[in-house]
Amino acid sequence: MNIKKTTLADGRQGITIFAEPDIISEMVALCKQRNIPVEESPEVSQETLESLTKTAKQISAIEKVKAIADELKNKKAEETQSPKQIIKNILKGKK
């Protein structure tokens, strides 16, 4: 996964995320659940990509997205536990 803070030539700022489609879909759903505005675009023109620049003015926005990404990563790790690990967790009293 690659997350970049971006600024368009007209001054608007945003975050561009490059990841597997299932991760992006889950991130969009989580953002919407938390009332974080999300706009999905199936394609990004070369002109738009060329106009993006890196800035560090909105670190909190990046941190929110990274927190969601970490949450998804942890969720995915829990979902992909082996049957043996699941049994061990049940015996230990974990879900």
Protein backbone atom coordinates (compact mmCIF):
# COMPACT_ATOMS: atom_id res chain seq x y z
CA MET A 1 0.00 0.00 0.00
CA ASN A 2 1.22 3.47 -0.84
CA ILE A 3 -0.37 6.63 0.63
CA LYS A 4 0.58 10.08 -0.63
CA LYS A 5 -0.58 13.53 0.50
CA THR A 6 -1.27 15.53 -2.63
CA THR A 7 -2.00 19.12 -3.63
CA LEU A 8 -3.60 19.99 -6.95
CA ALA A 9 -2.49 23.01 -8.96
CA ASP A 10 -5.63 24.88 -7.84
CA GLY A 11 -4.72 24.46 -4.15
CA ARG A 12 -7.09 21.62 -3.26
CA GLN A 13 -5.49 18.94 -1.12
CA GLY A 14 -6.14 15.25 -0.88
CA ILE A 15 -4.73 11.82 -0.29
CA THR A 16 -3.98 9.33 -3.02
CA ILE A 17 -3.93 5.66 -2.03
CA PHE A 18 -2.60 2.87 -4.21
CA ALA A 19 -3.47 -0.61 -2.90
CA GLU A 20 -5.25 -3.82 -3.78
CA PRO A 21 -8.89 -3.24 -4.84
CA ASP A 22 -10.35 -5.11 -1.84
CA ILE A 23 -8.35 -2.96 0.59
CA ILE A 24 -9.47 0.23 -1.16
CA SER A 25 -13.11 -0.89 -1.06
CA GLU A 26 -12.88 -1.60 2.68
CA MET A 27 -11.13 1.73 3.34
CA VAL A 28 -13.83 3.63 1.44
CA ALA A 29 -16.54 1.83 3.43
CA LEU A 30 -14.82 2.61 6.75
CA CYS A 31 -14.34 6.26 5.79
CA LYS A 32 -18.01 6.57 4.89
CA GLN A 33 -19.02 4.92 8.19
CA ARG A 34 -16.96 7.54 10.03
CA ASN A 35 -18.35 10.42 7.94
CA ILE A 36 -14.98 11.09 6.31
CA PRO A 37 -15.71 12.43 2.80
CA VAL A 38 -14.52 10.02 0.11
CA GLU A 39 -14.64 10.42 -3.64
CA GLU A 40 -13.93 7.37 -5.74
CA SER A 41 -12.45 7.77 -9.18
CA PRO A 42 -11.93 4.69 -11.35
CA GLU A 43 -9.28 6.42 -13.44
CA VAL A 44 -6.81 9.21 -12.87
CA SER A 45 -5.68 11.10 -15.93
CA GLN A 46 -1.99 11.56 -16.61
CA GLU A 47 -2.56 15.32 -16.36
CA THR A 48 -3.94 14.94 -12.83
CA LEU A 49 -1.06 12.69 -11.80
CA GLU A 50 1.47 15.19 -13.13
CA SER A 51 -0.18 18.05 -11.21
CA LEU A 52 0.04 16.30 -7.83
CA THR A 53 2.73 17.49 -5.41
CA LYS A 54 3.75 16.25 -2.00
CA THR A 55 3.13 18.45 1.07
CA ALA A 56 3.06 17.88 4.81
CA LYS A 57 0.47 20.46 5.89
CA GLN A 58 -2.34 18.00 6.72
CA ILE A 59 -0.54 15.28 8.65
CA SER A 60 -3.65 14.54 10.70
CA ALA A 61 -5.55 13.47 7.57
CA ILE A 62 -2.73 11.11 6.62
CA GLU A 63 -2.65 9.73 10.17
CA LYS A 64 -6.41 9.02 10.04
CA VAL A 65 -6.03 7.09 6.80
CA LYS A 66 -2.99 5.22 8.12
CA ALA A 67 -4.96 4.29 11.26
CA ILE A 68 -7.73 2.90 9.06
CA ALA A 69 -5.13 1.04 6.96
CA ASP A 70 -3.61 -0.45 10.13
CA GLU A 71 -7.08 -1.43 11.32
CA LEU A 72 -7.72 -3.20 8.02
CA LYS A 73 -4.33 -4.89 8.12
CA ASN A 74 -5.00 -6.19 11.64
CA LYS A 75 -8.51 -7.30 10.65
CA LYS A 76 -7.12 -9.12 7.61
CA ALA A 77 -4.46 -10.81 9.77
CA GLU A 78 -7.15 -12.01 12.19
CA GLU A 79 -9.27 -13.33 9.35
CA THR A 80 -6.39 -15.29 7.84
CA GLN A 81 -5.42 -17.20 10.98
CA SER A 82 -4.82 -20.89 10.54
CA PRO A 83 -7.37 -23.35 11.95
CA LYS A 84 -4.73 -24.41 14.49
CA GLN A 85 -4.32 -20.79 15.68
CA ILE A 86 -8.09 -20.31 15.86
CA ILE A 87 -8.39 -23.40 18.08
CA LYS A 88 -5.56 -22.15 20.32
CA ASN A 89 -7.28 -18.76 20.63
CA ILE A 90 -10.59 -20.40 21.51
CA LEU A 91 -8.88 -22.50 24.18
CA LYS A 92 -7.25 -19.33 25.57
CA GLY A 93 -10.63 -17.59 25.63
CA LYS A 94 -9.98 -15.19 22.73
CA LYS A 95 -12.37 -14.65 19.85
